[in-house]
């Protein structure tokens, strides 16, 4: 294992495999209950078993999220969940609630316990207290600066691991403790069902002027006043490592395979470059460019370099910026013909310029001069989802290599 763990989101089994293929040291995933991402497909028992086997065969780890804020009925069902986890053998459970933590310590003593960011871990006394109770790792709140994290590291036991989010969506509410969704959509954010009302467009209504909507002017489209930019710390790998963080966490269990693979690969390259020779480490602008090719709401450094100001919000739109899309995934290779078998994800045509993105190495630009269907017949386009096509790529690329292109809407 690397001295710095790169921890990736796994919203389903295929994303788990993509994350590990593209360089994650560990993944975090949710079962069908107790996870804070109801919008993610999450994992059935059999899928978790397959995911754990896939990770362990490659020397990687998998942590299971059980970080809802549970009510009585949830606590009643929790022992059965823990029994299932004991059979599956994950490398850790991520928990936010003290009662759930106590049950896990009692019923599954051999599974390491991680304390979720939902527990609002912002000071060394709290972090040390969790360690005393039996936590192996504490996930720090997003509201901490690098200097605060360094102070926590200095004042907690050296064997306690510190994990922190370094990339992905930010919550407008304190470490996810949000009531907006419950109030406005009857969907409990702390039960994994957030409707993301912080991303909605808002106007101002004065109490004695009902029905009179006044724009909070940023521009003519109104304002998304709670709409945070996405976190991105790719330019600050040395500072993150020096602060004492040992696990770099990427957000995104509801994101696509393309998003997960691209972000993992970028941070993997940056982390490895620094660890190889810290004194000669040089940030490469290509890492920024790569992260701009996945969906984002523009980027911010969050609280790491100081409290966010007005520039940390996106006021014009809550929509993601999406400039590229995956059009195919390598699923095989025909030794006789030298053709690569591609599973279609979005349609493309002969004459299109694509980028081949392997798990290791930089992307390669490739123009489709000829393509065939699965039967070897020449075709001009591949419009059907999951259609298998044959391409003569520049070399033999591994399974799960992605092919992408600029989105047509751009």
Foldseek 3Di string as FASTA:
>chain_A
DDQFFEEFEALFLLLLVLLVQLPGQEYEFEDCFQAQAPLRPTDYLVSLLVSQVSQVVVNHFYEYENAFPDDPVCLVCLLVVLVSCLVSPGQEYEYADPSSVVSNCVRPVPHAYEYDLLNAAQALVVVQVVVVVGHQEYEHWLQDALQSLLVSCVRHDVRRAYEYEQWWADFLDGSQPDCPQCVPPVADSSRNGRPPPLQDFAFDDDPVRPPDTHAPDPDPQGWSQSAFWIGHCLVPLVSNVVSRHRYHYYDDSPFDSVLRSQLSNLSSVQNVQCVVPVVPRDRDCVSVVSNLQAWTPDYDNDPHHHHDDSVRHDIRHSGTDHFKDWQWWFDAADPVVQWTKIFGAAKDFQQAWKWWAASDDHIDIDGRNWKAFPVRHTDGMDHDGRTIMIGNDPHDGDGGTTIMHTDPVD
